[in-house]
Amino acid sequence: MAYAVGRVSGGHFNPAVTVGLFTARRIPAADLVPYIVAQVVGAVTAAAVLLLIASGKPGYSLAVNGLAANGFGEHSPGGYSLLAAFVIETVLTFFFLIIILGSTEPRAPQGFGPIAIGLALTLIHLISIPVTNTSVNPARSLGPAVFVGGWAWRNCGFSG
């Protein structure tokens, strides 16, 4: 995706990355809210498409299958605790940001950033899907939670 749309939007799909780029003074403050709103709308839209596809399978249940919402404890694929989920998401998001910032830095070899970013994200998913279903992206967590509600919504910091 970074190669496909990177020149259009900077390849922004993740509010954590947007905030990281702002912190590194790579994007202006005026871009923060529009990017984050677009990222959340995109994530909810993507979750709706995923739900539409998943609900086409006989026996699919949103309540049972959870739409790959992020979770811990009984909602973690491997039964990991809240602390384990918090640590893995925090550490892997941090390293993902470091890879993005380093590989897109003007002094880095040009044209290879998307490869490093894509490979890093693949590795991150392989490591953390068993723990939380992987996020490293607040919008990605929020999208499925909108439809799953309950525990998934609470995992995003909302009540209800």
N, C-alpha and C. Protein backbone atom coordinates (compact mmCIF):
# COMPACT_ATOMS: atom_id res chain seq x y z
N MET A 1 0.82 -1.19 0.00
CA MET A 1 0.00 0.00 0.00
C MET A 1 0.86 1.26 0.00
N ALA A 2 2.02 1.18 0.66
CA ALA A 2 2.87 2.37 0.69
C ALA A 2 3.32 2.75 -0.72
N TYR A 3 3.64 1.74 -1.55
CA TYR A 3 4.01 2.03 -2.94
C TYR A 3 2.79 2.53 -3.72
N ALA A 4 1.63 1.95 -3.47
CA ALA A 4 0.44 2.27 -4.25
C ALA A 4 -0.08 3.67 -3.99
N VAL A 5 -0.15 4.08 -2.72
CA VAL A 5 -0.76 5.37 -2.40
C VAL A 5 0.15 6.30 -1.63
N GLY A 6 1.37 5.91 -1.44
CA GLY A 6 2.31 6.73 -0.67
C GLY A 6 2.49 8.13 -1.24
N ARG A 7 2.48 8.23 -2.55
CA ARG A 7 2.66 9.55 -3.17
C ARG A 7 1.40 10.40 -3.10
N VAL A 8 0.26 9.75 -2.87
CA VAL A 8 -1.01 10.48 -2.80
C VAL A 8 -1.22 11.07 -1.40
N SER A 9 -1.10 10.22 -0.38
CA SER A 9 -1.44 10.65 0.97
C SER A 9 -0.27 10.54 1.94
N GLY A 10 0.86 10.12 1.46
CA GLY A 10 1.96 9.81 2.36
C GLY A 10 1.82 8.42 2.94
N GLY A 11 0.81 7.68 2.50
CA GLY A 11 0.57 6.33 2.98
C GLY A 11 0.09 6.29 4.42
N HIS A 12 -0.63 7.31 4.82
CA HIS A 12 -1.11 7.39 6.20
C HIS A 12 -2.36 6.54 6.39
N PHE A 13 -2.24 5.47 7.18
CA PHE A 13 -3.37 4.62 7.53
C PHE A 13 -3.51 4.47 9.03
N ASN A 14 -2.58 5.03 9.78
CA ASN A 14 -2.42 4.70 11.19
C ASN A 14 -2.24 5.98 12.01
N PRO A 15 -3.17 6.26 12.93
CA PRO A 15 -3.01 7.46 13.76
C PRO A 15 -1.71 7.47 14.58
N ALA A 16 -1.24 6.31 15.01
CA ALA A 16 0.02 6.27 15.76
C ALA A 16 1.17 6.74 14.89
N VAL A 17 1.16 6.35 13.63
CA VAL A 17 2.21 6.79 12.71
C VAL A 17 2.07 8.28 12.44
N THR A 18 0.84 8.75 12.25
CA THR A 18 0.61 10.18 12.02
C THR A 18 1.14 11.01 13.18
N VAL A 19 0.82 10.59 14.40
CA VAL A 19 1.32 11.31 15.58
C VAL A 19 2.84 11.21 15.65
N GLY A 20 3.40 10.05 15.33
CA GLY A 20 4.85 9.90 15.30
C GLY A 20 5.51 10.81 14.28
N LEU A 21 4.91 10.92 13.10
CA LEU A 21 5.45 11.81 12.07
C LEU A 21 5.34 13.27 12.49
N PHE A 22 4.24 13.61 13.16
CA PHE A 22 4.11 14.98 13.68
C PHE A 22 5.18 15.25 14.73
N THR A 23 5.37 14.30 15.64
CA THR A 23 6.38 14.45 16.70
C THR A 23 7.78 14.62 16.11
N ALA A 24 8.03 13.93 14.99
CA ALA A 24 9.32 14.04 14.32
C ALA A 24 9.39 15.26 13.40
N ARG A 25 8.34 16.06 13.43
CA ARG A 25 8.27 17.30 12.63
C ARG A 25 8.28 17.02 11.12
N ARG A 26 7.62 15.93 10.74
CA ARG A 26 7.54 15.58 9.33
C ARG A 26 6.21 15.99 8.71
N ILE A 27 5.20 16.28 9.55
CA ILE A 27 3.92 16.78 9.05
C ILE A 27 3.47 17.92 9.95
N PRO A 28 2.73 18.87 9.40
CA PRO A 28 2.27 20.00 10.22
C PRO A 28 1.09 19.63 11.11
N ALA A 29 0.91 20.37 12.17
CA ALA A 29 -0.18 20.14 13.12
C ALA A 29 -1.54 20.20 12.43
N ALA A 30 -1.67 21.04 11.43
CA ALA A 30 -2.95 21.18 10.72
C ALA A 30 -3.38 19.89 10.04
N ASP A 31 -2.45 18.99 9.77
CA ASP A 31 -2.78 17.72 9.10
C ASP A 31 -3.22 16.63 10.08
N LEU A 32 -2.97 16.81 11.37
CA LEU A 32 -3.25 15.74 12.34
C LEU A 32 -4.72 15.32 12.33
N VAL A 33 -5.62 16.23 12.60
CA VAL A 33 -7.03 15.87 12.73
C VAL A 33 -7.60 15.34 11.41
N PRO A 34 -7.38 16.00 10.27
CA PRO A 34 -7.93 15.44 9.02
C PRO A 34 -7.42 14.03 8.72
N TYR A 35 -6.14 13.79 8.94
CA TYR A 35 -5.60 12.45 8.70
C TYR A 35 -6.23 11.44 9.64
N ILE A 36 -6.32 11.76 10.92
CA ILE A 36 -6.85 10.80 11.90
C ILE A 36 -8.33 10.53 11.63
N VAL A 37 -9.10 11.54 11.28
CA VAL A 37 -10.51 11.33 10.94
C VAL A 37 -10.61 10.40 9.73
N ALA A 38 -9.82 10.66 8.70
CA ALA A 38 -9.84 9.81 7.51
C ALA A 38 -9.41 8.38 7.84
N GLN A 39 -8.43 8.22 8.72
CA GLN A 39 -7.97 6.89 9.10
C GLN A 39 -9.06 6.12 9.84
N VAL A 40 -9.76 6.78 10.73
CA VAL A 40 -10.83 6.12 11.48
C VAL A 40 -11.99 5.77 10.55
N VAL A 41 -12.38 6.70 9.68
CA VAL A 41 -13.45 6.41 8.72
C VAL A 41 -13.05 5.24 7.83
N GLY A 42 -11.82 5.24 7.37
CA GLY A 42 -11.33 4.13 6.55
C GLY A 42 -11.36 2.80 7.29
N ALA A 43 -10.97 2.81 8.55
CA ALA A 43 -10.95 1.58 9.34
C ALA A 43 -12.37 1.05 9.58
N VAL A 44 -13.30 1.94 9.86
CA VAL A 44 -14.68 1.50 10.08
C VAL A 44 -15.27 0.98 8.77
N THR A 45 -14.97 1.64 7.67
CA THR A 45 -15.43 1.17 6.37
C THR A 45 -14.84 -0.20 6.04
N ALA A 46 -13.55 -0.37 6.30
CA ALA A 46 -12.91 -1.66 6.05
C ALA A 46 -13.51 -2.76 6.92
N ALA A 47 -13.81 -2.44 8.17
CA ALA A 47 -14.44 -3.43 9.05
C ALA A 47 -15.84 -3.77 8.55
N ALA A 48 -16.56 -2.80 8.02
CA ALA A 48 -17.90 -3.06 7.47
C ALA A 48 -17.80 -4.00 6.26
N VAL A 49 -16.81 -3.78 5.42
CA VAL A 49 -16.61 -4.67 4.27
C VAL A 49 -16.25 -6.07 4.74
N LEU A 50 -15.36 -6.15 5.73
CA LEU A 50 -14.98 -7.45 6.29
C LEU A 50 -16.20 -8.16 6.88
N LEU A 51 -17.03 -7.43 7.59
CA LEU A 51 -18.25 -8.01 8.17
C LEU A 51 -19.18 -8.51 7.07
N LEU A 52 -19.32 -7.74 6.01
CA LEU A 52 -20.17 -8.15 4.89
C LEU A 52 -19.66 -9.46 4.29
N ILE A 53 -18.36 -9.56 4.12
CA ILE A 53 -17.78 -10.78 3.56
C ILE A 53 -17.95 -11.94 4.53
N ALA A 54 -17.58 -11.72 5.80
CA ALA A 54 -17.63 -12.79 6.80
C ALA A 54 -19.05 -13.30 7.00
N SER A 55 -20.01 -12.39 6.96
CA SER A 55 -21.40 -12.80 7.19
C SER A 55 -21.95 -13.61 6.03
N GLY A 56 -21.22 -13.70 4.93
CA GLY A 56 -21.62 -14.54 3.81
C GLY A 56 -21.30 -16.01 4.03
N LYS A 57 -20.61 -16.33 5.09
CA LYS A 57 -20.29 -17.72 5.41
C LYS A 57 -21.37 -18.28 6.32
N PRO A 58 -21.95 -19.40 5.96
CA PRO A 58 -22.96 -20.01 6.84
C PRO A 58 -22.36 -20.29 8.23
N GLY A 59 -23.12 -19.94 9.24
CA GLY A 59 -22.68 -20.18 10.61
C GLY A 59 -21.84 -19.08 11.21
N TYR A 60 -21.51 -18.05 10.43
CA TYR A 60 -20.72 -16.96 10.98
C TYR A 60 -21.55 -16.21 12.02
N SER A 61 -20.90 -15.89 13.13
CA SER A 61 -21.56 -15.13 14.19
C SER A 61 -20.62 -14.03 14.66
N LEU A 62 -21.06 -12.81 14.55
CA LEU A 62 -20.27 -11.67 15.01
C LEU A 62 -19.95 -11.83 16.50
N ALA A 63 -20.92 -12.26 17.28
CA ALA A 63 -20.71 -12.42 18.72
C ALA A 63 -19.67 -13.49 19.03
N VAL A 64 -19.63 -14.54 18.24
CA VAL A 64 -18.69 -15.64 18.48
C VAL A 64 -17.34 -15.35 17.86
N ASN A 65 -17.32 -14.91 16.61
CA ASN A 65 -16.07 -14.76 15.87
C ASN A 65 -15.37 -13.43 16.08
N GLY A 66 -16.10 -12.39 16.45
CA GLY A 66 -15.50 -11.13 16.87
C GLY A 66 -14.88 -10.26 15.81
N LEU A 67 -14.90 -10.62 14.55
CA LEU A 67 -14.40 -9.78 13.46
C LEU A 67 -12.93 -9.39 13.63
N ALA A 68 -12.14 -10.28 14.21
CA ALA A 68 -10.70 -10.05 14.44
C ALA A 68 -10.45 -8.82 15.30
N ALA A 69 -11.38 -8.53 16.19
CA ALA A 69 -11.18 -7.42 17.12
C ALA A 69 -10.00 -7.74 18.04
N ASN A 70 -9.33 -6.71 18.48
CA ASN A 70 -8.19 -6.90 19.37
C ASN A 70 -8.67 -7.21 20.77
N GLY A 71 -7.92 -8.08 21.45
CA GLY A 71 -8.35 -8.40 22.80
C GLY A 71 -7.25 -8.97 23.66
N PHE A 72 -7.60 -9.16 24.91
CA PHE A 72 -6.71 -9.77 25.90
C PHE A 72 -7.56 -10.71 26.74
N GLY A 73 -6.91 -11.50 27.58
CA GLY A 73 -7.65 -12.44 28.42
C GLY A 73 -8.43 -13.42 27.56
N GLU A 74 -9.72 -13.55 27.83
CA GLU A 74 -10.53 -14.50 27.07
C GLU A 74 -10.70 -14.08 25.60
N HIS A 75 -10.39 -12.84 25.27
CA HIS A 75 -10.51 -12.36 23.89
C HIS A 75 -9.18 -12.32 23.15
N SER A 76 -8.13 -12.81 23.79
CA SER A 76 -6.83 -12.97 23.16
C SER A 76 -6.79 -14.35 22.53
N PRO A 77 -6.31 -14.47 21.29
CA PRO A 77 -6.22 -15.80 20.68
C PRO A 77 -5.45 -16.80 21.54
N GLY A 78 -4.43 -16.32 22.25
CA GLY A 78 -3.63 -17.20 23.09
C GLY A 78 -3.91 -17.07 24.57
N GLY A 79 -4.93 -16.28 24.95
CA GLY A 79 -5.27 -16.11 26.35
C GLY A 79 -4.33 -15.22 27.13
N TYR A 80 -3.65 -14.29 26.46
CA TYR A 80 -2.66 -13.42 27.11
C TYR A 80 -3.35 -12.35 27.96
N SER A 81 -2.64 -11.91 28.99
CA SER A 81 -3.16 -10.92 29.94
C SER A 81 -3.18 -9.51 29.34
N LEU A 82 -3.86 -8.61 30.05
CA LEU A 82 -3.88 -7.20 29.67
C LEU A 82 -2.46 -6.65 29.64
N LEU A 83 -1.65 -6.97 30.62
CA LEU A 83 -0.27 -6.46 30.65
C LEU A 83 0.51 -6.94 29.43
N ALA A 84 0.41 -8.21 29.11
CA ALA A 84 1.11 -8.75 27.93
C ALA A 84 0.63 -8.06 26.67
N ALA A 85 -0.68 -7.86 26.55
CA ALA A 85 -1.24 -7.20 25.37
C ALA A 85 -0.75 -5.76 25.27
N PHE A 86 -0.76 -5.05 26.38
CA PHE A 86 -0.30 -3.66 26.40
C PHE A 86 1.17 -3.58 26.02
N VAL A 87 1.99 -4.44 26.59
CA VAL A 87 3.43 -4.40 26.32
C VAL A 87 3.72 -4.72 24.86
N ILE A 88 3.11 -5.78 24.33
CA ILE A 88 3.43 -6.14 22.94
C ILE A 88 2.95 -5.07 21.96
N GLU A 89 1.76 -4.52 22.19
CA GLU A 89 1.26 -3.48 21.29
C GLU A 89 2.12 -2.21 21.38
N THR A 90 2.53 -1.84 22.59
CA THR A 90 3.35 -0.64 22.77
C THR A 90 4.72 -0.82 22.15
N VAL A 91 5.38 -1.92 22.45
CA VAL A 91 6.74 -2.16 21.94
C VAL A 91 6.74 -2.30 20.43
N LEU A 92 5.80 -3.06 19.89
CA LEU A 92 5.78 -3.25 18.43
C LEU A 92 5.36 -1.98 17.69
N THR A 93 4.47 -1.19 18.27
CA THR A 93 4.13 0.10 17.65
C THR A 93 5.35 1.01 17.65
N PHE A 94 6.09 1.02 18.76
CA PHE A 94 7.31 1.84 18.85
C PHE A 94 8.31 1.42 17.76
N PHE A 95 8.56 0.12 17.63
CA PHE A 95 9.52 -0.32 16.62
C PHE A 95 9.00 -0.08 15.21
N PHE A 96 7.70 -0.21 15.00
CA PHE A 96 7.12 0.09 13.70
C PHE A 96 7.37 1.56 13.34
N LEU A 97 7.16 2.46 14.31
CA LEU A 97 7.42 3.88 14.08
C LEU A 97 8.90 4.14 13.79
N ILE A 98 9.77 3.49 14.53
CA ILE A 98 11.21 3.65 14.29
C ILE A 98 11.57 3.22 12.87
N ILE A 99 11.01 2.11 12.43
CA ILE A 99 11.28 1.62 11.07
C ILE A 99 10.73 2.59 10.03
N ILE A 100 9.53 3.08 10.24
CA ILE A 100 8.95 4.04 9.30
C ILE A 100 9.78 5.32 9.25
N LEU A 101 10.09 5.87 10.41
CA LEU A 101 10.86 7.11 10.44
C LEU A 101 12.26 6.91 9.84
N GLY A 102 12.89 5.80 10.16
CA GLY A 102 14.25 5.56 9.65
C GLY A 102 14.28 5.27 8.16
N SER A 103 13.33 4.49 7.67
CA SER A 103 13.36 4.10 6.26
C SER A 103 12.83 5.18 5.32
N THR A 104 12.15 6.18 5.87
CA THR A 104 11.65 7.27 5.03
C THR A 104 12.44 8.57 5.23
N GLU A 105 13.45 8.50 6.05
CA GLU A 105 14.31 9.66 6.30
C GLU A 105 15.03 10.02 5.01
N PRO A 106 15.19 11.30 4.71
CA PRO A 106 15.80 11.69 3.43
C PRO A 106 17.18 11.09 3.15
N ARG A 107 17.94 10.78 4.19
CA ARG A 107 19.27 10.20 3.98
C ARG A 107 19.26 8.69 3.80
N ALA A 108 18.09 8.06 3.98
CA ALA A 108 17.96 6.61 3.78
C ALA A 108 17.96 6.31 2.29
N PRO A 109 18.33 5.09 1.91
CA PRO A 109 18.28 4.73 0.49
C PRO A 109 16.87 4.95 -0.07
N GLN A 110 16.77 5.68 -1.14
CA GLN A 110 15.47 6.05 -1.70
C GLN A 110 14.79 4.86 -2.39
N GLY A 111 13.49 4.78 -2.19
CA GLY A 111 12.69 3.76 -2.87
C GLY A 111 12.53 2.46 -2.11
N PHE A 112 13.26 2.28 -1.02
CA PHE A 112 13.20 1.02 -0.29
C PHE A 112 12.34 1.09 0.98
N GLY A 113 11.92 2.28 1.35
CA GLY A 113 11.13 2.44 2.58
C GLY A 113 9.91 1.54 2.62
N PRO A 114 9.09 1.51 1.56
CA PRO A 114 7.91 0.66 1.61
C PRO A 114 8.22 -0.83 1.79
N ILE A 115 9.36 -1.27 1.28
CA ILE A 115 9.74 -2.67 1.47
C ILE A 115 10.03 -2.93 2.94
N ALA A 116 10.83 -2.07 3.55
CA ALA A 116 11.15 -2.23 4.96
C ALA A 116 9.88 -2.15 5.82
N ILE A 117 9.00 -1.21 5.49
CA ILE A 117 7.77 -1.03 6.26
C ILE A 117 6.87 -2.26 6.11
N GLY A 118 6.69 -2.75 4.90
CA GLY A 118 5.85 -3.92 4.66
C GLY A 118 6.38 -5.18 5.33
N LEU A 119 7.69 -5.39 5.24
CA LEU A 119 8.27 -6.56 5.88
C LEU A 119 8.17 -6.46 7.41
N ALA A 120 8.38 -5.26 7.93
CA ALA A 120 8.26 -5.06 9.38
C ALA A 120 6.84 -5.33 9.84
N LEU A 121 5.86 -4.83 9.10
CA LEU A 121 4.47 -5.04 9.49
C LEU A 121 4.10 -6.52 9.41
N THR A 122 4.63 -7.23 8.43
CA THR A 122 4.41 -8.67 8.34
C THR A 122 4.97 -9.37 9.57
N LEU A 123 6.19 -9.05 9.93
CA LEU A 123 6.81 -9.66 11.11
C LEU A 123 6.03 -9.32 12.38
N ILE A 124 5.61 -8.08 12.50
CA ILE A 124 4.82 -7.65 13.67
C ILE A 124 3.56 -8.50 13.78
N HIS A 125 2.89 -8.74 12.66
CA HIS A 125 1.67 -9.55 12.70
C HIS A 125 1.99 -10.99 13.08
N LEU A 126 3.04 -11.54 12.54
CA LEU A 126 3.39 -12.92 12.89
C LEU A 126 3.68 -13.07 14.38
N ILE A 127 4.28 -12.05 14.96
CA ILE A 127 4.61 -12.10 16.39
C ILE A 127 3.37 -11.90 17.25
N SER A 128 2.51 -10.96 16.90
CA SER A 128 1.48 -10.55 17.85
C SER A 128 0.05 -11.01 17.56
N ILE A 129 -0.22 -11.63 16.44
CA ILE A 129 -1.57 -12.16 16.23
C ILE A 129 -1.97 -13.11 17.36
N PRO A 130 -1.08 -14.01 17.80
CA PRO A 130 -1.49 -14.90 18.90
C PRO A 130 -1.76 -14.18 20.22
N VAL A 131 -1.23 -12.97 20.37
CA VAL A 131 -1.38 -12.26 21.63
C VAL A 131 -2.64 -11.40 21.64
N THR A 132 -2.82 -10.55 20.62
CA THR A 132 -3.92 -9.58 20.63
C THR A 132 -4.76 -9.56 19.35
N ASN A 133 -4.42 -10.34 18.37
CA ASN A 133 -4.95 -10.26 17.00
C ASN A 133 -4.25 -9.14 16.23
N THR A 134 -3.30 -8.51 16.82
CA THR A 134 -2.46 -7.45 16.27
C THR A 134 -3.22 -6.19 15.91
N SER A 135 -2.66 -5.09 16.38
CA SER A 135 -3.18 -3.80 15.98
C SER A 135 -2.02 -2.92 15.52
N VAL A 136 -1.25 -2.42 16.46
CA VAL A 136 -0.24 -1.37 16.24
C VAL A 136 -0.83 -0.19 15.47
N ASN A 137 -2.17 -0.08 15.54
CA ASN A 137 -2.89 0.95 14.82
C ASN A 137 -4.22 1.19 15.54
N PRO A 138 -4.36 2.33 16.21
CA PRO A 138 -5.61 2.59 16.93
C PRO A 138 -6.85 2.56 16.04
N ALA A 139 -6.74 3.00 14.80
CA ALA A 139 -7.89 2.96 13.90
C ALA A 139 -8.26 1.52 13.57
N ARG A 140 -7.27 0.68 13.39
CA ARG A 140 -7.52 -0.74 13.11
C ARG A 140 -8.24 -1.40 14.30
N SER A 141 -7.94 -0.98 15.51
CA SER A 141 -8.62 -1.51 16.68
C SER A 141 -10.06 -1.01 16.75
N LEU A 142 -10.24 0.25 16.44
CA LEU A 142 -11.56 0.87 16.54
C LEU A 142 -12.53 0.36 15.49
N GLY A 143 -12.07 0.14 14.26
CA GLY A 143 -12.95 -0.30 13.17
C GLY A 143 -13.79 -1.52 13.53
N PRO A 144 -13.16 -2.65 13.85
CA PRO A 144 -13.96 -3.83 14.23
C PRO A 144 -14.76 -3.61 15.51
N ALA A 145 -14.23 -2.85 16.45
CA ALA A 145 -14.91 -2.63 17.73
C ALA A 145 -16.26 -1.94 17.54
N VAL A 146 -16.37 -1.10 16.52
CA VAL A 146 -17.64 -0.42 16.24
C VAL A 146 -18.74 -1.44 16.00
N PHE A 147 -18.40 -2.55 15.34
CA PHE A 147 -19.40 -3.56 15.01
C PHE A 147 -19.52 -4.64 16.09
N VAL A 148 -18.42 -4.99 16.72
CA VAL A 148 -18.44 -6.02 17.76
C VAL A 148 -19.09 -5.47 19.02
N GLY A 149 -18.78 -4.20 19.35
CA GLY A 149 -19.34 -3.57 20.55
C GLY A 149 -18.82 -4.22 21.81
N GLY A 150 -19.54 -4.06 22.91
CA GLY A 150 -19.23 -4.71 24.18
C GLY A 150 -17.77 -4.69 24.56
N TRP A 151 -17.20 -5.88 24.72
CA TRP A 151 -15.82 -6.02 25.18
C TRP A 151 -14.84 -5.34 24.22
N ALA A 152 -15.07 -5.45 22.92
CA ALA A 152 -14.13 -4.84 21.95
C ALA A 152 -14.17 -3.33 22.05
N TRP A 153 -15.34 -2.78 22.25
CA TRP A 153 -15.50 -1.33 22.41
C TRP A 153 -14.80 -0.87 23.68
N ARG A 154 -14.97 -1.63 24.77
CA ARG A 154 -14.31 -1.30 26.03
C ARG A 154 -12.78 -1.40 25.90
N ASN A 155 -12.29 -2.35 25.12
CA ASN A 155 -10.84 -2.48 24.91
C ASN A 155 -10.27 -1.25 24.24
N CYS A 156 -11.08 -0.51 23.51
CA CYS A 156 -10.64 0.73 22.86
C CYS A 156 -10.74 1.92 23.80
N GLY A 157 -11.19 1.69 25.03
CA GLY A 157 -11.25 2.76 26.01
C GLY A 157 -12.61 3.42 26.15
N PHE A 158 -13.63 2.83 25.53
CA PHE A 158 -14.97 3.38 25.62
C PHE A 158 -15.80 2.53 26.56
N SER A 159 -16.78 3.13 27.19
CA SER A 159 -17.66 2.35 28.07
C SER A 159 -18.86 1.86 27.27
N GLY A 160 -19.53 0.85 27.80
CA GLY A 160 -20.75 0.38 27.16
C GLY A 160 -20.63 -0.90 26.46
